[in-house]
């Protein structure tokens, strides 16, 4: 993150939730000002709304101010998730793969279809080292591996997922170990939607399909606005997009199909152009150098949302297996 973005973050962090409520926004973060459909390159506070309206029909109390503490603002439309979410997603640029891997796959690799036996489908992020055991384990979203908190440790994990034809016992590839709860309480902000599963012996290999083993791990919130990024997921395979905003605070809807009951507040999200479809939850976000930046957990027809991978590693007490860690034996 450059110095200008860092300064904006300091200003935004004291008012983000207030503006979210006051202006009835979907999300708010750091982006670039857009005029007449073109980016000006000017860093700004980006306010996301489900639909832009003429200023004369918006009550003055709900108007997004022209600037916040000397920082210009910009308002951008962000489509609300469909139900099931992202079914009508706007795909990013497809690269190589047209669909992800939904078949039985042993050993498993990042990008494969996977889910708790209670859940429909999702994506295996990658192999990580569980710091509590020192063993390789499977990383993905809470709502993929733990049924949004409805699962219990020891639950069977299926690959492929139930939605892709996986059934007990043939498709069992591991067992739920732990997860970070997604909190829906008012005023409580989440940082990650993540869970961990123990893998069956010999059933998991490092890396992500079509990409290989990650080069390293970097904070997605340090990305430049407009930076080119890509992901590999169960539904849409490899897609390319660009970073729209960082350090985003916003609401994410969890419909009943995911075991949810409404909107949960998240902070420090990375928002990109639309890169994903339903079932891609758990996909890793990469930069062009092969560094992992984030973990996909939500999306709509206009944008995709990622948790910062450094927060995922911290909250889950895991380390992504990278080419560096393999070379040094750090895992």
Protein backbone atom coordinates (compact mmCIF):
# COMPACT_ATOMS: atom_id res chain seq x y z
CA UNK A 1 0.00 0.00 0.00
CA UNK A 2 1.37 3.40 -0.96
CA UNK A 3 1.56 6.34 1.45
CA UNK A 4 -1.57 8.00 0.04
CA UNK A 5 -3.68 4.87 0.51
CA UNK A 6 -2.29 4.46 4.03
CA UNK A 7 -3.30 8.03 4.89
CA UNK A 8 -6.81 7.47 3.53
CA UNK A 9 -7.09 4.28 5.55
CA UNK A 10 -6.34 6.20 8.75
CA UNK A 11 -9.05 8.73 7.94
CA UNK A 12 -11.59 6.11 6.87
CA UNK A 13 -11.09 3.78 9.83
CA UNK A 14 -12.69 6.28 12.22
CA UNK A 15 -15.86 6.86 10.18
CA UNK A 16 -16.44 3.77 8.00
CA UNK A 17 -19.16 2.13 10.10
CA UNK A 18 -20.82 5.48 10.80
CA UNK A 19 -21.06 6.31 7.08
CA UNK A 20 -22.17 2.76 6.29
CA UNK A 21 -25.23 3.23 8.50
CA UNK A 22 -25.84 6.95 7.93
CA UNK A 23 -25.76 6.75 4.13
CA UNK A 24 -27.26 3.23 3.95
CA UNK A 25 -24.30 1.88 1.98
CA UNK A 26 -23.54 -1.69 1.01
CA UNK A 27 -19.83 -1.15 1.62
CA UNK A 28 -17.16 1.53 1.92
CA UNK A 29 -13.41 1.36 1.33
CA UNK A 30 -10.42 2.78 -0.53
CA UNK A 31 -10.65 2.98 -4.30
CA UNK A 32 -10.02 5.34 -7.21
CA UNK A 33 -12.29 8.16 -8.32
CA UNK A 34 -14.12 7.47 -11.57
CA UNK A 35 -15.40 10.26 -13.82
CA UNK A 36 -17.49 9.55 -16.95
CA UNK A 37 -16.71 5.86 -16.65
CA UNK A 38 -12.94 6.31 -16.50
CA UNK A 39 -10.61 6.07 -13.55
CA UNK A 40 -8.81 9.31 -12.79
CA UNK A 41 -6.08 7.57 -10.81
CA UNK A 42 -6.99 9.68 -7.78
CA UNK A 43 -7.25 7.63 -4.57
CA UNK A 44 -10.56 8.22 -2.83
CA UNK A 45 -13.06 6.88 -0.34
CA UNK A 46 -15.30 4.57 -2.39
CA UNK A 47 -18.93 4.29 -1.28
CA UNK A 48 -20.77 1.27 -2.72
CA UNK A 49 -24.56 1.33 -3.15
CA UNK A 50 -26.94 -1.19 -4.68
CA UNK A 51 -28.33 1.49 -7.00
CA UNK A 52 -27.22 5.04 -7.70
CA UNK A 53 -30.02 7.61 -7.52
CA UNK A 54 -30.25 11.27 -8.53
CA UNK A 55 -29.06 13.57 -5.77
CA UNK A 56 -32.42 15.38 -5.68
CA UNK A 57 -34.26 12.24 -4.46
CA UNK A 58 -31.83 11.39 -1.67
CA UNK A 59 -32.50 12.94 1.77
CA UNK A 60 -29.67 15.28 2.76
CA UNK A 61 -29.04 13.19 5.87
CA UNK A 62 -28.23 10.19 3.66
CA UNK A 63 -26.07 11.94 1.08
CA UNK A 64 -22.50 10.73 0.77
CA UNK A 65 -20.37 13.82 1.53
CA UNK A 66 -18.19 15.12 -1.30
CA UNK A 67 -15.15 14.59 0.91
CA UNK A 68 -14.30 13.06 4.28
CA UNK A 69 -11.50 14.68 6.25
CA UNK A 70 -10.06 16.15 3.08
CA UNK A 71 -10.37 12.93 1.04
CA UNK A 72 -12.62 12.91 -2.04
CA UNK A 73 -15.43 10.36 -2.20
CA UNK A 74 -16.91 8.43 -5.10
CA UNK A 75 -20.13 6.44 -5.32
CA UNK A 76 -20.25 3.18 -7.27
CA UNK A 77 -22.98 0.62 -7.84
CA UNK A 78 -22.46 -2.81 -6.34
CA UNK A 79 -25.10 -5.37 -7.25
CA UNK A 80 -26.75 -7.22 -4.41
CA UNK A 81 -26.04 -10.97 -4.33
CA UNK A 82 -28.63 -13.17 -6.00
CA UNK A 83 -30.16 -16.16 -4.21
CA UNK A 84 -28.33 -18.50 -4.54
CA UNK A 85 -25.63 -15.84 -4.53
CA UNK A 86 -23.78 -15.00 -7.75
CA UNK A 87 -25.86 -17.32 -9.94
CA UNK A 88 -26.03 -14.48 -12.47
CA UNK A 89 -22.43 -13.42 -11.91
CA UNK A 90 -20.55 -11.36 -14.47
CA UNK A 91 -17.53 -13.56 -15.26
CA UNK A 92 -14.07 -12.07 -15.37
CA UNK A 93 -11.69 -12.79 -18.21
CA UNK A 94 -11.40 -16.57 -18.53
CA UNK A 95 -7.89 -17.98 -18.80
CA UNK A 96 -7.28 -21.59 -19.84
CA UNK A 97 -10.00 -23.32 -17.83
CA UNK A 98 -13.66 -22.82 -18.63
CA UNK A 99 -14.92 -24.66 -15.57
CA UNK A 100 -13.31 -25.82 -12.39
CA UNK A 101 -12.63 -29.36 -11.21
CA UNK A 102 -15.84 -31.03 -10.04
CA UNK A 103 -14.66 -34.63 -10.40
CA UNK A 104 -13.25 -37.09 -7.85
CA UNK A 105 -9.60 -36.11 -7.40
CA UNK A 106 -6.92 -37.82 -5.26
CA UNK A 107 -4.70 -36.43 -4.10
CA UNK A 108 -6.74 -33.24 -3.83
CA UNK A 109 -5.37 -29.85 -4.84
CA UNK A 110 -6.54 -26.25 -4.45
CA UNK A 111 -9.44 -25.40 -6.75
CA UNK A 112 -11.17 -28.78 -6.32
CA UNK A 113 -14.86 -29.16 -5.47
CA UNK A 114 -15.23 -29.74 -1.72
CA UNK A 115 -17.73 -29.20 1.11
CA UNK A 116 -19.02 -30.39 4.46
CA UNK A 117 -21.52 -33.23 4.01
CA UNK A 118 -24.18 -30.77 5.25
CA UNK A 119 -23.31 -28.18 2.57
CA UNK A 120 -23.98 -28.00 -1.16
CA UNK A 121 -20.63 -27.14 -2.69
CA UNK A 122 -17.52 -24.96 -2.53
CA UNK A 123 -13.84 -24.78 -3.36
CA UNK A 124 -10.76 -26.16 -1.61
CA UNK A 125 -8.41 -23.19 -1.13
CA UNK A 126 -5.13 -25.07 -0.83
CA UNK A 127 -3.00 -27.14 1.50
CA UNK A 128 -1.93 -25.34 4.66
CA UNK A 129 0.14 -26.33 7.67
CA UNK A 130 -1.94 -26.55 10.83
CA UNK A 131 0.25 -24.90 13.48
CA UNK A 132 -1.39 -26.92 16.25
CA UNK A 133 -0.39 -30.27 14.71
CA UNK A 134 2.30 -29.48 12.14
CA UNK A 135 0.30 -31.50 9.60
CA UNK A 136 -1.08 -30.61 6.18
CA UNK A 137 -4.75 -29.62 6.29
CA UNK A 138 -7.47 -28.27 3.97
CA UNK A 139 -8.42 -24.59 4.04
CA UNK A 140 -11.69 -23.11 2.78
CA UNK A 141 -14.60 -20.97 3.99
CA UNK A 142 -16.63 -21.58 7.14
CA UNK A 143 -19.80 -21.82 5.03
CA UNK A 144 -18.10 -24.45 2.82
CA UNK A 145 -16.38 -26.72 5.36
CA UNK A 146 -18.48 -25.99 8.46
CA UNK A 147 -21.95 -25.21 7.10
CA UNK A 148 -21.70 -21.65 8.43
CA UNK A 149 -21.12 -22.88 11.96
CA UNK A 150 -23.70 -25.68 11.86
CA UNK A 151 -20.98 -28.31 11.52
CA UNK A 152 -19.16 -29.96 14.40
CA UNK A 153 -15.54 -31.14 14.57
CA UNK A 154 -15.29 -34.57 13.00
CA UNK A 155 -17.95 -33.91 10.35
CA UNK A 156 -17.09 -35.70 7.08
CA UNK A 157 -15.80 -33.49 4.28
CA UNK A 158 -16.65 -34.60 0.75
CA UNK A 159 -14.60 -34.28 -2.46
CA UNK A 160 -16.31 -33.83 -4.79
CA UNK A 161 -19.00 -32.04 -2.82
CA UNK A 162 -22.52 -33.37 -2.36
CA UNK A 163 -23.68 -30.90 -5.01
CA UNK A 164 -21.22 -32.45 -7.47
CA UNK A 165 -22.23 -36.03 -6.75
CA UNK A 166 -20.01 -36.83 -3.76
CA UNK A 167 -21.52 -39.25 -1.26
CA UNK A 168 -20.52 -40.91 2.01
CA UNK A 169 -18.37 -42.99 2.28
CA UNK A 170 -16.68 -42.98 -1.15
CA UNK A 171 -16.15 -39.21 -1.36
CA UNK A 172 -15.01 -38.63 2.23
CA UNK A 173 -11.66 -36.86 2.01
CA UNK A 174 -11.26 -35.55 5.54
CA UNK A 175 -12.95 -34.25 8.68
CA UNK A 176 -13.81 -30.81 9.98
CA UNK A 177 -11.21 -29.57 12.47
CA UNK A 178 -12.23 -25.99 13.40
CA UNK A 179 -13.60 -22.72 12.08
CA UNK A 180 -13.89 -19.02 12.86
CA UNK A 181 -17.56 -18.24 13.60
CA UNK A 182 -19.33 -15.73 11.37
CA UNK A 183 -21.05 -13.30 13.73
CA UNK A 184 -24.35 -11.62 12.89
CA UNK A 185 -24.66 -9.47 16.03
CA UNK A 186 -25.22 -5.77 15.40
CA UNK A 187 -22.03 -3.76 15.80
CA UNK A 188 -19.78 -6.82 15.56
CA UNK A 189 -17.42 -6.95 12.60
CA UNK A 190 -15.97 -10.13 11.10
CA UNK A 191 -12.55 -10.36 9.52
CA UNK A 192 -12.69 -13.81 7.91
CA UNK A 193 -15.04 -16.54 6.75
CA UNK A 194 -12.70 -19.52 7.12
CA UNK A 195 -12.48 -23.12 8.30
CA UNK A 196 -9.98 -25.97 8.45
CA UNK A 197 -10.35 -29.69 7.84
CA UNK A 198 -8.00 -32.59 8.52
CA UNK A 199 -7.18 -34.43 5.29
CA UNK A 200 -7.21 -38.20 4.87
CA UNK A 201 -3.65 -39.64 4.76
CA UNK A 202 -1.99 -38.98 1.42
CA UNK A 203 -5.13 -37.31 0.13
CA UNK A 204 -3.87 -33.73 -0.19
CA UNK A 205 -1.07 -32.12 -2.17
CA UNK A 206 0.26 -28.53 -2.01
CA UNK A 207 -0.68 -25.98 -4.63
CA UNK A 208 -3.63 -24.92 -6.75
CA UNK A 209 -4.69 -26.54 -10.00
CA UNK A 210 -3.53 -24.73 -13.17
CA UNK A 211 -1.28 -22.49 -11.03
CA UNK A 212 0.97 -24.72 -8.98
CA UNK A 213 2.46 -24.00 -5.58
CA UNK A 214 2.08 -20.36 -4.47
CA UNK A 215 5.23 -18.23 -4.52
CA UNK A 216 4.45 -16.49 -1.25
CA UNK A 217 1.79 -14.81 0.86
CA UNK A 218 1.08 -11.06 0.92
CA UNK A 219 -1.66 -8.86 2.32
CA UNK A 220 -4.40 -8.30 -0.22
CA UNK A 221 -5.09 -4.95 1.42
CA UNK A 222 -1.66 -3.79 0.24
CA UNK A 223 -2.72 -4.18 -3.41
CA UNK A 224 -2.82 -1.22 -5.75
CA UNK A 225 -6.23 -0.21 -7.07
CA UNK A 226 -6.56 -1.55 -10.61
CA UNK A 227 -3.97 -4.26 -10.00
CA UNK A 228 -4.48 -7.40 -12.11
CA UNK A 229 -5.35 -10.51 -10.07
CA UNK A 230 -6.65 -14.03 -10.70
CA UNK A 231 -8.22 -17.04 -8.99
CA UNK A 232 -9.05 -20.71 -9.63
CA UNK A 233 -12.36 -22.08 -8.37
CA UNK A 234 -14.65 -25.07 -8.61
CA UNK A 235 -17.27 -23.28 -10.71
CA UNK A 236 -15.52 -20.92 -13.10
CA UNK A 237 -11.97 -22.27 -13.14
CA UNK A 238 -9.33 -19.60 -13.68
CA UNK A 239 -10.57 -16.04 -14.07
CA UNK A 240 -8.77 -12.71 -14.16
CA UNK A 241 -9.96 -9.42 -12.71
CA UNK A 242 -8.72 -6.19 -11.17
CA UNK A 243 -8.74 -4.81 -7.63
CA UNK A 244 -11.61 -2.32 -7.17
CA UNK A 245 -11.14 -1.39 -3.51
CA UNK A 246 -9.19 -2.39 -0.39
CA UNK A 247 -9.78 -2.08 3.36
CA UNK A 248 -13.50 -2.38 2.64
CA UNK A 249 -16.10 -2.47 5.39
CA UNK A 250 -19.43 -3.83 4.25
CA UNK A 251 -22.39 -6.15 4.62
CA UNK A 252 -22.45 -9.68 3.25
CA UNK A 253 -25.70 -11.57 2.89
CA UNK A 254 -25.85 -15.22 3.96
CA UNK A 255 -29.10 -16.73 2.61
CA UNK A 256 -30.70 -19.90 3.98
CA UNK A 257 -29.08 -22.03 1.25
CA UNK A 258 -25.75 -21.30 2.99
CA UNK A 259 -27.20 -21.75 6.47
CA UNK A 260 -27.40 -18.01 7.01
CA UNK A 261 -29.99 -15.74 8.52
CA UNK A 262 -29.22 -12.31 7.11
CA UNK A 263 -26.36 -9.84 6.80
CA UNK A 264 -23.02 -10.00 8.57
CA UNK A 265 -20.63 -7.06 8.80
CA UNK A 266 -17.08 -7.59 7.52
CA UNK A 267 -14.03 -5.33 7.70
CA UNK A 268 -10.81 -5.24 5.70
CA UNK A 269 -12.22 -6.97 2.65
CA UNK A 270 -10.59 -6.85 -0.77
CA UNK A 271 -13.11 -6.13 -3.54
CA UNK A 272 -12.41 -6.98 -7.18
CA UNK A 273 -14.33 -6.90 -10.41
CA UNK A 274 -16.66 -9.91 -10.87
CA UNK A 275 -14.51 -13.05 -11.02
CA UNK A 276 -16.60 -15.83 -9.54
CA UNK A 277 -19.79 -17.87 -9.50
CA UNK A 278 -21.72 -19.81 -6.87
CA UNK A 279 -19.48 -22.64 -5.65
CA UNK A 280 -16.23 -20.68 -6.01
CA UNK A 281 -16.20 -19.79 -2.29
CA UNK A 282 -12.81 -20.78 -0.91
CA UNK A 283 -10.84 -19.85 -4.04
CA UNK A 284 -7.55 -18.07 -3.44
CA UNK A 285 -6.79 -14.66 -4.93
CA UNK A 286 -3.34 -14.37 -6.56
CA UNK A 287 -1.21 -11.59 -7.97
CA UNK A 288 0.69 -12.02 -11.23
CA UNK A 289 3.77 -13.22 -9.35
CA UNK A 290 1.92 -16.15 -7.79
CA UNK A 291 1.55 -14.63 -4.32
CA UNK A 292 -1.64 -15.45 -2.39
CA UNK A 293 -3.58 -12.30 -1.47
CA UNK A 294 -7.00 -13.35 -0.26
CA UNK A 295 -9.74 -15.96 0.23
CA UNK A 296 -12.95 -15.62 -1.82
CA UNK A 297 -16.07 -15.75 0.33
CA UNK A 298 -18.79 -13.71 -1.38
CA UNK A 299 -19.80 -12.07 -4.63
CA UNK A 300 -22.39 -10.54 -6.91
CA UNK A 301 -22.85 -9.82 -10.60
CA UNK A 302 -20.51 -6.81 -10.35
CA UNK A 303 -17.89 -7.70 -7.75
CA UNK A 304 -16.12 -10.46 -5.82
CA UNK A 305 -15.10 -10.27 -2.16
CA UNK A 306 -12.04 -11.69 -0.44
CA UNK A 307 -10.77 -11.93 3.14
CA UNK A 308 -7.15 -10.82 3.55
CA UNK A 309 -5.02 -13.99 3.53
CA UNK A 310 -2.79 -12.72 6.35
CA UNK A 311 -5.86 -12.42 8.58
CA UNK A 312 -6.95 -15.91 7.52
CA UNK A 313 -3.56 -17.35 8.50
CA UNK A 314 -3.65 -15.50 11.83
CA UNK A 315 -7.26 -16.31 12.76
CA UNK A 316 -7.00 -19.95 11.69
CA UNK A 317 -3.45 -20.53 13.04
CA UNK A 318 -2.26 -21.94 9.72
CA UNK A 319 0.40 -21.25 7.10
CA UNK A 320 -0.19 -21.53 3.37
CA UNK A 321 2.27 -24.00 1.84
CA UNK A 322 4.45 -22.00 -0.58
CA UNK A 323 7.44 -22.80 -2.75
CA UNK A 324 9.60 -20.94 -0.23
CA UNK A 325 8.36 -22.94 2.75
CA UNK A 326 8.85 -26.19 0.84
CA UNK A 327 12.39 -25.20 -0.14
CA UNK A 328 13.38 -24.25 3.41
CA UNK A 329 11.40 -26.96 5.18
CA UNK A 330 9.68 -24.24 7.23
CA UNK A 331 6.43 -26.16 7.36
